Amino acid sequence: MTPAHDRLPLPPRTYQRAFTPTPHSLRDVRRTVREYLDRWGLGDLTPEACLVVTELLSNVHKHAGGKEGAQCTLALREMPGGVEIVVSDSSSTLPEIKEPELYSDSGRGLALILHVARRLEIVPTDTGKDIRVVLISVPSEGPAAEQELPSQKQVGAAPGVSELLH
């Protein structure tokens, strides 16, 4: 029999990559996200994770200097029943979550992310900001499927930046 101290939980599996986001790099990033989620047994989160990564990296390219070659970091961290996605960039400008204008060509990304995410957190850092998104896999059957999930989505950031939404 294995002693209890030999059966400690494994640390979460992670992936991290620093790069300059471009429209052409997004396809490769989505492929990598899919591969890691499949490897971690979270393939059912692939559509949502790819949407989140595409929206966040597109925002870096458009708003945080991606056009000038600014780098960002994408991190994935496996968590029980889900994945945390973190995009870090060097811009201190925090995105606003607002209702997009009906005929606007942009402004829907964070609203789409809120629709699929369990948690969205915008965190100012000494070097810019982190945007953290948690996606949870909802089992289709078994005891875990019978657990009640929170009805509210949490949106967090520095005080005064955002508040709990429902």
Protein backbone atom coordinates (compact mmCIF):
# COMPACT_ATOMS: atom_id res chain seq x y z
CA MET A 1 0.00 0.00 0.00
CA THR A 2 1.27 3.49 -0.87
CA PRO A 3 1.84 5.83 2.09
CA ALA A 4 -0.50 8.86 2.22
CA HIS A 5 2.37 11.30 1.65
CA ASP A 6 3.09 9.58 -1.69
CA ARG A 7 -0.45 10.25 -2.91
CA LEU A 8 -0.40 14.05 -2.84
CA PRO A 9 -2.46 15.71 -5.54
CA LEU A 10 -0.59 16.55 -8.71
CA PRO A 11 -0.01 20.24 -9.40
CA PRO A 12 -2.29 21.71 -12.05
CA ARG A 13 -1.14 21.28 -15.61
CA THR A 14 -0.27 24.54 -17.33
CA TYR A 15 0.71 26.03 -20.66
CA GLN A 16 2.27 29.45 -21.14
CA ARG A 17 3.46 31.31 -24.21
CA ALA A 18 4.69 34.87 -24.79
CA PHE A 19 4.23 36.23 -28.29
CA THR A 20 3.08 39.14 -30.42
CA PRO A 21 -0.53 38.53 -31.39
CA THR A 22 -1.40 38.97 -35.04
CA PRO A 23 -4.50 37.94 -36.95
CA HIS A 24 -2.43 35.18 -38.58
CA SER A 25 -1.17 33.77 -35.26
CA LEU A 26 -4.68 33.23 -33.86
CA ARG A 27 -5.26 30.03 -35.83
CA ASP A 28 -2.12 28.44 -34.37
CA VAL A 29 -3.04 29.60 -30.87
CA ARG A 30 -6.53 28.09 -31.17
CA ARG A 31 -4.99 24.81 -32.35
CA THR A 32 -2.67 24.79 -29.33
CA VAL A 33 -5.55 25.53 -26.95
CA ARG A 34 -7.54 22.66 -28.45
CA GLU A 35 -4.60 20.26 -28.13
CA TYR A 36 -4.01 21.11 -24.46
CA LEU A 37 -7.68 20.89 -23.54
CA ASP A 38 -7.96 17.51 -25.28
CA ARG A 39 -4.83 16.29 -23.47
CA TRP A 40 -6.32 17.40 -20.12
CA GLY A 41 -9.69 15.74 -20.80
CA LEU A 42 -11.43 19.10 -21.21
CA GLY A 43 -12.10 18.95 -24.94
CA ASP A 44 -15.75 19.90 -24.40
CA LEU A 45 -14.53 23.41 -23.46
CA THR A 46 -12.72 23.91 -26.77
CA PRO A 47 -15.35 26.11 -28.49
CA GLU A 48 -15.67 28.43 -25.49
CA ALA A 49 -11.91 28.51 -24.83
CA CYS A 50 -11.15 29.33 -28.48
CA LEU A 51 -13.74 32.12 -28.42
CA VAL A 52 -12.20 33.57 -25.23
CA VAL A 53 -8.63 33.35 -26.53
CA THR A 54 -9.55 34.84 -29.91
CA GLU A 55 -11.43 37.76 -28.37
CA LEU A 56 -8.77 38.56 -25.76
CA LEU A 57 -5.83 38.30 -28.16
CA SER A 58 -7.69 40.34 -30.79
CA ASN A 59 -8.16 43.03 -28.13
CA VAL A 60 -4.43 43.00 -27.37
CA HIS A 61 -3.69 43.41 -31.07
CA LYS A 62 -6.25 46.20 -31.50
CA HIS A 63 -6.00 48.12 -28.21
CA ALA A 64 -2.77 47.27 -26.39
CA GLY A 65 -0.14 47.90 -29.01
CA GLY A 66 -0.20 44.61 -30.87
CA LYS A 67 0.05 46.52 -34.11
CA GLU A 68 3.42 47.90 -32.96
CA GLY A 69 4.66 44.44 -32.01
CA ALA A 70 3.88 44.54 -28.28
CA GLN A 71 4.06 41.16 -26.63
CA CYS A 72 1.50 39.48 -24.45
CA THR A 73 1.41 36.23 -22.53
CA LEU A 74 -1.25 33.55 -22.83
CA ALA A 75 -1.50 31.08 -19.97
CA LEU A 76 -3.79 28.09 -19.53
CA ARG A 77 -4.13 26.40 -16.16
CA GLU A 78 -6.09 23.23 -15.62
CA MET A 79 -8.34 23.40 -12.58
CA PRO A 80 -10.86 20.92 -11.17
CA GLY A 81 -13.54 20.59 -13.84
CA GLY A 82 -12.28 23.43 -15.97
CA VAL A 83 -9.58 25.76 -17.15
CA GLU A 84 -8.37 29.24 -16.30
CA ILE A 85 -7.25 31.36 -19.26
CA VAL A 86 -5.05 34.39 -18.55
CA VAL A 87 -3.96 36.98 -21.09
CA SER A 88 -1.41 39.49 -19.81
CA ASP A 89 -0.29 42.58 -21.68
CA SER A 90 1.69 45.74 -20.98
CA SER A 91 -1.16 48.23 -21.42
CA SER A 92 -2.51 49.76 -18.23
CA THR A 93 -5.77 50.70 -19.96
CA LEU A 94 -8.54 48.53 -18.54
CA PRO A 95 -11.30 47.36 -20.87
CA GLU A 96 -14.85 48.43 -20.18
CA ILE A 97 -17.71 46.00 -20.16
CA LYS A 98 -20.59 47.80 -21.81
CA GLU A 99 -23.59 47.17 -24.00
CA PRO A 100 -22.37 47.31 -27.62
CA GLU A 101 -24.02 49.73 -29.97
CA LEU A 102 -26.45 48.02 -32.32
CA TYR A 103 -24.64 48.92 -35.56
CA SER A 104 -21.08 48.96 -34.23
CA ASP A 105 -18.47 46.68 -35.83
CA SER A 106 -16.82 46.00 -32.47
CA GLY A 107 -17.41 46.08 -28.73
CA ARG A 108 -19.01 42.66 -28.25
CA GLY A 109 -15.99 40.57 -27.19
CA LEU A 110 -16.24 40.90 -23.41
CA ALA A 111 -20.03 40.48 -23.57
CA LEU A 112 -19.53 37.21 -25.47
CA ILE A 113 -16.94 36.07 -22.93
CA LEU A 114 -19.34 36.87 -20.07
CA HIS A 115 -21.92 34.66 -21.76
CA VAL A 116 -19.68 31.55 -21.70
CA ALA A 117 -17.44 32.15 -18.67
CA ARG A 118 -17.95 31.28 -15.04
CA ARG A 119 -15.66 34.14 -14.03
CA LEU A 120 -14.07 37.14 -15.73
CA GLU A 121 -11.55 39.17 -13.79
CA ILE A 122 -9.60 42.21 -14.95
CA VAL A 123 -6.56 42.75 -12.75
CA PRO A 124 -4.21 45.74 -13.00
CA THR A 125 -0.57 44.72 -12.52
CA ASP A 126 2.71 46.58 -12.14
CA THR A 127 3.45 45.85 -15.81
CA GLY A 128 -0.02 46.32 -17.35
CA LYS A 129 -2.97 44.02 -16.73
CA ASP A 130 -4.12 40.41 -16.58
CA ILE A 131 -7.49 39.31 -17.87
CA ARG A 132 -8.48 36.02 -16.24
CA VAL A 133 -11.34 33.87 -17.48
CA VAL A 134 -12.55 30.66 -15.85
CA LEU A 135 -14.46 28.10 -17.90
CA ILE A 136 -16.12 25.14 -16.19
CA SER A 137 -17.08 21.90 -17.89
CA VAL A 138 -20.67 20.94 -17.11
CA PRO A 139 -21.03 17.15 -16.94
CA SER A 140 -23.98 15.71 -18.83
CA GLU A 141 -24.64 12.85 -16.40
CA GLY A 142 -23.58 11.39 -13.07
CA PRO A 143 -23.40 12.91 -9.58
CA ALA A 144 -21.46 15.97 -10.71
CA ALA A 145 -24.21 16.85 -13.20
CA GLU A 146 -26.70 17.02 -10.35
CA GLN A 147 -24.76 19.70 -8.45
CA GLU A 148 -26.31 23.11 -8.59
CA LEU A 149 -24.13 25.71 -10.26
CA PRO A 150 -24.11 29.35 -9.16
CA SER A 151 -26.61 31.42 -11.12
CA GLN A 152 -24.50 34.58 -11.11
CA LYS A 153 -21.36 35.22 -13.06
CA GLN A 154 -18.63 37.00 -11.18
CA VAL A 155 -16.80 39.83 -12.79
CA GLY A 156 -13.95 41.19 -10.77
CA ALA A 157 -11.30 43.82 -11.10
CA ALA A 158 -9.68 46.57 -9.14
CA PRO A 159 -12.15 48.46 -6.92
CA GLY A 160 -14.39 50.68 -8.98
CA VAL A 161 -13.56 48.99 -12.28
CA SER A 162 -16.37 46.47 -12.37
CA GLU A 163 -18.99 44.88 -10.19
CA LEU A 164 -20.91 41.65 -9.80
CA LEU A 165 -23.20 41.11 -12.78
CA HIS A 166 -26.17 38.79 -13.04
